[in-house]
Amino acid sequence: MLEIDICGIKFKNPVFLASGIMGETGSALKRIAKGGSGAVVTKSVGLYPNPGHKNPTIVEVYGGFLNAMGLPNPGVDEYIEEIKSVKKDLEKMGVRVIGSIYGKDEKEFMDVAKKIESFVDAIELNISCPHAKGYGATIGQNPEMSYNVCAAVKDVVKIPVFAKLTPNVSDIVEIAGAVVEAGVDGLVAINTVRGMVIDIKAKKPILSNKFGGLSGKAIKPVGIKAVWDLYENFDVPIIGVGGIMSGEDAIEYMMAGASAVQVGSGVYYRGYNVFKKICDEICSFLKEENLTLKEIVGLAHR
């Protein structure tokens, strides 16, 4: 009932792990896969090891989390070993792997993409991290830079490429237009929303980076609006991200135009089996409404 095909890749269900701390190691990816995910998106990896920002890097706030991890990762060469250690197990479970990558310019993106291509089913370009200086949203807020990065990666890999977009722009459709023109196979929306928390006793921001990215329930309406706008303007698959805790949340994204969704904070709130729970809730809704999964994608537009 929940099998889907996106860019020629078959997924057993449309509920994926979002890129983040739950994808830091091969064992973490395997644990998520056992929880019922249709795909796992890796932690964003770059060409070189990166320690990220100093602690504190995450704080729970009303409606979600504010984090400024700073893209910590062991570098693509070492991370490939993590993927290799669990790839066969993931394949047995029918779970796809999407490699999230970042770089400071198109050359770094190309180099990482070429290295990781053989070990993943698709690539997700992180041009949207809001708190890594010189990376992420620094690129994703600029149409020309976004185009250059996406076009460069599409030139060197044969597997599907998705661009993960930032909501921290005046017009997400403008950025999406640039990456679609560059040839990306699909869009992922959204990454986190910039925010800050101040400790009134210490009289300073809590995060060492001062500001970070807000995730969780609070950003769901922002994500749904972004997916709605992208579906209205582009004929490419869209994966919705942001505040998805339940089947109802996933269905909202799908009715706005998403073919699949990614879950991050929901793992904290509902456990590792959140993926199976969401899938079961989607199935119950489809049966009650006598609808198919394909029929609900973009349904709110019709």
Protein backbone atom coordinates (compact mmCIF):
# COMPACT_ATOMS: atom_id res chain seq x y z
CA MET A 1 0.00 0.00 0.00
CA LEU A 2 2.85 2.41 0.77
CA GLU A 3 5.43 1.48 -1.88
CA ILE A 4 6.57 4.47 -3.95
CA ASP A 5 8.89 5.22 -6.84
CA ILE A 6 10.89 8.46 -6.83
CA CYS A 7 13.25 9.11 -9.74
CA GLY A 8 13.31 5.43 -10.60
CA ILE A 9 14.17 4.33 -7.05
CA LYS A 10 11.65 2.07 -5.36
CA PHE A 11 11.04 2.70 -1.66
CA LYS A 12 9.06 0.35 0.55
CA ASN A 13 7.38 3.34 2.21
CA PRO A 14 7.55 7.17 2.04
CA VAL A 15 8.76 7.82 5.60
CA PHE A 16 12.51 8.46 5.72
CA LEU A 17 15.05 9.45 8.35
CA ALA A 18 16.11 13.09 7.95
CA SER A 19 19.78 13.99 7.89
CA GLY A 20 21.02 14.69 11.42
CA ILE A 21 22.56 13.23 14.53
CA MET A 22 20.68 9.92 14.16
CA GLY A 23 22.68 9.22 11.01
CA GLU A 24 26.16 9.73 12.45
CA THR A 25 27.19 6.06 12.38
CA GLY A 26 26.40 2.89 10.51
CA SER A 27 24.91 1.33 13.64
CA ALA A 28 22.61 4.33 14.08
CA LEU A 29 21.41 3.99 10.47
CA LYS A 30 20.73 0.29 11.03
CA ARG A 31 18.75 1.00 14.20
CA ILE A 32 16.57 3.51 12.34
CA ALA A 33 16.07 1.02 9.51
CA LYS A 34 14.81 -1.54 12.02
CA GLY A 35 12.33 1.09 13.18
CA GLY A 36 10.55 0.91 9.84
CA SER A 37 12.00 3.71 7.73
CA GLY A 38 11.75 3.51 3.95
CA ALA A 39 15.15 5.20 3.59
CA VAL A 40 17.85 6.67 5.78
CA VAL A 41 19.57 9.96 5.01
CA THR A 42 23.10 10.10 6.34
CA LYS A 43 24.58 12.82 8.50
CA SER A 44 25.91 15.54 6.20
CA VAL A 45 29.51 14.74 5.34
CA GLY A 46 32.18 16.89 3.77
CA LEU A 47 35.51 16.35 2.10
CA TYR A 48 37.48 16.70 5.34
CA PRO A 49 36.84 15.86 9.02
CA ASN A 50 35.07 18.66 10.89
CA PRO A 51 34.70 18.86 14.71
CA GLY A 52 31.74 21.25 14.47
CA HIS A 53 30.92 23.96 17.00
CA LYS A 54 31.85 23.79 20.69
CA ASN A 55 29.24 22.83 23.29
CA PRO A 56 26.54 23.69 24.08
CA THR A 57 25.23 22.88 20.61
CA ILE A 58 21.60 21.94 21.27
CA VAL A 59 18.80 23.09 23.56
CA GLU A 60 15.19 21.96 23.81
CA VAL A 61 12.71 24.80 23.37
CA TYR A 62 8.94 25.08 23.21
CA GLY A 63 7.86 23.15 20.14
CA GLY A 64 11.19 21.58 19.26
CA PHE A 65 14.96 21.92 19.41
CA LEU A 66 17.43 24.66 18.61
CA ASN A 67 20.78 23.29 17.45
CA ALA A 68 24.07 24.63 16.15
CA MET A 69 26.11 21.49 15.64
CA GLY A 70 28.24 23.05 12.91
CA LEU A 71 28.25 20.02 10.57
CA PRO A 72 30.47 17.71 12.67
CA ASN A 73 31.55 14.64 10.70
CA PRO A 74 34.59 12.38 10.20
CA GLY A 75 34.98 13.28 6.51
CA VAL A 76 33.59 11.37 3.55
CA ASP A 77 36.36 8.73 3.33
CA GLU A 78 35.86 7.54 6.89
CA TYR A 79 32.08 7.85 6.71
CA ILE A 80 31.97 5.59 3.66
CA GLU A 81 33.32 2.83 5.93
CA GLU A 82 30.30 3.36 8.19
CA ILE A 83 27.94 2.93 5.25
CA LYS A 84 29.79 -0.15 4.01
CA SER A 85 29.53 -1.76 7.45
CA VAL A 86 25.72 -1.84 7.29
CA LYS A 87 24.83 -1.59 3.59
CA LYS A 88 24.07 -5.30 3.17
CA ASP A 89 21.88 -5.33 6.28
CA LEU A 90 19.97 -2.30 5.03
CA GLU A 91 19.49 -3.92 1.62
CA LYS A 92 18.05 -7.05 3.27
CA MET A 93 15.53 -4.81 5.05
CA GLY A 94 14.71 -3.04 1.79
CA VAL A 95 15.92 0.30 3.12
CA ARG A 96 17.53 2.79 0.75
CA VAL A 97 20.47 5.04 1.63
CA ILE A 98 20.59 8.72 0.68
CA GLY A 99 23.95 10.42 1.17
CA SER A 100 23.78 13.98 2.51
CA ILE A 101 26.84 16.00 1.49
CA TYR A 102 28.15 19.53 1.83
CA GLY A 103 31.08 21.63 0.67
CA LYS A 104 32.29 25.22 0.55
CA ASP A 105 32.08 25.41 -3.24
CA GLU A 106 31.17 23.36 -6.30
CA LYS A 107 34.55 21.59 -6.42
CA GLU A 108 34.22 20.26 -2.89
CA PHE A 109 30.64 19.16 -3.56
CA MET A 110 31.80 17.38 -6.73
CA ASP A 111 34.66 15.62 -4.95
CA VAL A 112 32.44 14.38 -2.12
CA ALA A 113 29.70 13.32 -4.54
CA LYS A 114 32.12 11.28 -6.66
CA LYS A 115 33.51 9.53 -3.58
CA ILE A 116 30.14 8.60 -2.05
CA GLU A 117 28.17 7.81 -5.22
CA SER A 118 28.95 4.09 -5.30
CA PHE A 119 27.72 3.56 -1.74
CA VAL A 120 24.35 5.33 -1.79
CA ASP A 121 21.16 5.24 -3.84
CA ALA A 122 20.81 9.02 -4.15
CA ILE A 123 22.55 12.20 -3.04
CA GLU A 124 21.07 15.05 -1.00
CA LEU A 125 22.89 18.37 -1.34
CA ASN A 126 22.95 20.27 1.93
CA ILE A 127 22.85 23.86 0.70
CA SER A 128 20.73 24.92 3.65
CA CYS A 129 22.44 24.40 7.04
CA PRO A 130 21.78 27.73 8.82
CA HIS A 131 24.70 27.78 11.26
CA ALA A 132 27.86 26.66 9.42
CA LYS A 133 29.77 29.73 8.26
CA GLY A 134 30.81 29.51 4.60
CA TYR A 135 28.70 26.39 3.99
CA GLY A 136 25.05 25.41 3.80
CA ALA A 137 22.71 28.40 3.65
CA THR A 138 25.59 30.65 2.60
CA ILE A 139 25.24 28.83 -0.72
CA GLY A 140 21.52 28.09 -0.58
CA GLN A 141 20.50 31.72 -0.13
CA ASN A 142 22.22 32.67 -3.38
CA PRO A 143 20.56 31.51 -6.63
CA GLU A 144 23.78 31.64 -8.67
CA MET A 145 25.83 29.71 -6.12
CA SER A 146 23.02 27.17 -5.72
CA TYR A 147 22.86 26.68 -9.47
CA ASN A 148 26.64 26.24 -9.76
CA VAL A 149 26.82 23.62 -7.01
CA CYS A 150 23.87 21.60 -8.30
CA ALA A 151 24.99 21.73 -11.93
CA ALA A 152 28.51 20.68 -10.96
CA VAL A 153 27.32 17.63 -9.02
CA LYS A 154 24.88 16.61 -11.76
CA ASP A 155 27.79 16.67 -14.19
CA VAL A 156 29.77 14.05 -12.28
CA VAL A 157 27.24 11.55 -10.86
CA LYS A 158 24.66 9.28 -12.45
CA ILE A 159 22.40 8.65 -9.45
CA PRO A 160 19.50 10.98 -8.53
CA VAL A 161 20.42 14.28 -6.85
CA PHE A 162 18.13 16.19 -4.49
CA ALA A 163 18.70 19.75 -3.25
CA LYS A 164 17.72 20.46 0.36
CA LEU A 165 16.43 24.02 0.56
CA THR A 166 16.57 26.61 3.32
CA PRO A 167 13.48 28.45 4.57
CA ASN A 168 15.69 31.37 5.58
CA VAL A 169 15.16 33.24 2.30
CA SER A 170 12.68 35.81 1.05
CA ASP A 171 11.56 33.57 -1.83
CA ILE A 172 12.16 29.81 -1.74
CA VAL A 173 10.69 29.50 -5.25
CA GLU A 174 13.52 31.64 -6.64
CA ILE A 175 16.16 29.33 -5.16
CA ALA A 176 14.25 26.25 -6.25
CA GLY A 177 14.05 27.63 -9.78
CA ALA A 178 17.83 27.92 -9.90
CA VAL A 179 18.47 24.34 -8.73
CA VAL A 180 15.77 22.86 -10.98
CA GLU A 181 17.33 24.70 -13.91
CA ALA A 182 20.65 23.18 -12.87
CA GLY A 183 19.12 19.74 -13.33
CA VAL A 184 18.41 18.39 -9.84
CA ASP A 185 16.06 15.43 -9.79
CA GLY A 186 14.07 16.54 -6.76
CA LEU A 187 13.69 19.02 -3.91
CA VAL A 188 13.82 18.55 -0.14
CA ALA A 189 12.08 21.18 1.98
CA ILE A 190 12.83 22.40 4.54
CA ASN A 191 15.94 22.64 6.65
CA THR A 192 15.78 24.35 10.05
CA VAL A 193 14.63 27.91 10.76
CA ARG A 194 17.14 30.32 12.31
CA GLY A 195 16.56 31.16 15.96
CA MET A 196 18.16 32.06 19.28
CA VAL A 197 17.61 31.43 22.99
CA ILE A 198 19.03 33.70 25.71
CA ASP A 199 19.74 32.57 29.27
CA ILE A 200 18.46 35.53 31.29
CA LYS A 201 20.50 34.54 34.36
CA ALA A 202 23.76 34.23 32.44
CA LYS A 203 22.66 37.19 30.31
CA LYS A 204 23.90 35.63 27.07
CA PRO A 205 22.82 33.21 24.33
CA ILE A 206 22.77 29.56 25.42
CA LEU A 207 24.33 28.13 22.25
CA SER A 208 28.06 28.63 21.84
CA ASN A 209 27.39 29.71 18.25
CA LYS A 210 24.80 32.20 19.63
CA PHE A 211 22.15 31.22 17.04
CA GLY A 212 21.07 27.89 15.61
CA GLY A 213 18.42 26.09 13.61
CA LEU A 214 14.94 25.42 14.99
CA SER A 215 13.47 21.98 14.26
CA GLY A 216 10.42 20.13 15.52
CA LYS A 217 6.68 20.79 15.75
CA ALA A 218 7.03 24.58 15.65
CA ILE A 219 8.25 24.66 12.04
CA LYS A 220 5.67 22.34 10.45
CA PRO A 221 3.49 25.17 9.07
CA VAL A 222 6.59 26.76 7.51
CA GLY A 223 7.53 23.47 5.87
CA ILE A 224 4.05 22.81 4.56
CA LYS A 225 3.84 26.28 2.99
CA ALA A 226 7.23 25.75 1.33
CA VAL A 227 6.16 22.39 -0.11
CA TRP A 228 2.88 23.94 -1.30
CA ASP A 229 4.72 26.71 -3.17
CA LEU A 230 7.23 24.30 -4.71
CA TYR A 231 4.48 21.95 -5.92
CA GLU A 232 2.64 24.88 -7.51
CA ASN A 233 5.72 25.91 -9.48
CA PHE A 234 7.78 22.81 -10.33
CA ASP A 235 7.23 19.37 -11.80
CA VAL A 236 9.84 17.47 -9.79
CA PRO A 237 9.43 15.18 -6.77
CA ILE A 238 9.37 16.95 -3.40
CA ILE A 239 10.31 15.46 -0.03
CA GLY A 240 8.79 17.28 2.94
CA VAL A 241 10.66 17.81 6.20
CA GLY A 242 9.93 19.69 9.40
CA GLY A 243 7.86 18.84 12.46
CA ILE A 244 6.53 15.48 11.32
CA MET A 245 5.50 13.46 14.38
CA SER A 246 2.48 11.51 13.14
CA GLY A 247 0.73 10.07 10.14
CA GLU A 248 -1.52 13.11 10.11
CA ASP A 249 1.52 15.39 9.82
CA ALA A 250 2.90 13.30 6.96
CA ILE A 251 -0.44 13.37 5.16
CA GLU A 252 -0.57 17.18 5.45
CA TYR A 253 2.81 17.40 3.73
CA MET A 254 1.69 14.97 1.04
CA MET A 255 -1.53 16.84 0.37
CA ALA A 256 0.61 19.97 0.01
CA GLY A 257 2.64 18.16 -2.66
CA ALA A 258 5.28 15.96 -1.04
CA SER A 259 5.84 12.47 -2.45
CA ALA A 260 7.67 11.42 0.72
CA VAL A 261 8.63 12.85 4.10
CA GLN A 262 11.61 12.86 6.40
CA VAL A 263 11.49 12.57 10.19
CA GLY A 264 14.12 13.91 12.60
CA SER A 265 12.88 15.25 15.95
CA GLY A 266 10.04 12.73 15.87
CA VAL A 267 12.52 10.02 16.85
CA TYR A 268 13.05 11.82 20.17
CA TYR A 269 9.34 12.24 20.85
CA ARG A 270 8.02 8.84 19.67
CA GLY A 271 11.03 6.52 19.69
CA TYR A 272 12.93 4.62 17.03
CA ASN A 273 9.74 2.95 15.83
CA VAL A 274 8.22 6.31 14.88
CA PHE A 275 8.62 5.36 11.21
CA LYS A 276 6.46 2.24 11.55
CA LYS A 277 3.94 4.16 13.65
CA ILE A 278 3.62 6.90 11.03
CA CYS A 279 3.27 4.33 8.24
CA ASP A 280 0.52 2.52 10.17
CA GLU A 281 -1.30 5.82 10.73
CA ILE A 282 -1.05 6.70 7.02
CA CYS A 283 -2.45 3.28 6.09
CA SER A 284 -5.36 3.70 8.49
CA PHE A 285 -6.20 7.08 6.97
CA LEU A 286 -6.04 5.77 3.40
CA LYS A 287 -8.38 2.89 4.24
CA GLU A 288 -10.84 5.17 6.04
CA GLU A 289 -10.90 7.66 3.16
CA ASN A 290 -10.74 5.03 0.41
CA LEU A 291 -7.68 6.71 -1.11
CA THR A 292 -4.32 5.55 -2.41
CA LEU A 293 -0.97 7.05 -1.49
CA LYS A 294 -0.55 8.39 -5.01
CA GLU A 295 -3.94 10.09 -4.86
CA ILE A 296 -3.14 12.17 -1.76
CA VAL A 297 0.02 13.73 -3.21
CA GLY A 298 -0.98 17.31 -4.05
CA LEU A 299 -4.64 16.57 -3.22
CA ALA A 300 -5.14 19.91 -1.46
CA HIS A 301 -4.34 21.73 -4.73
CA ARG A 302 -7.17 20.04 -6.63
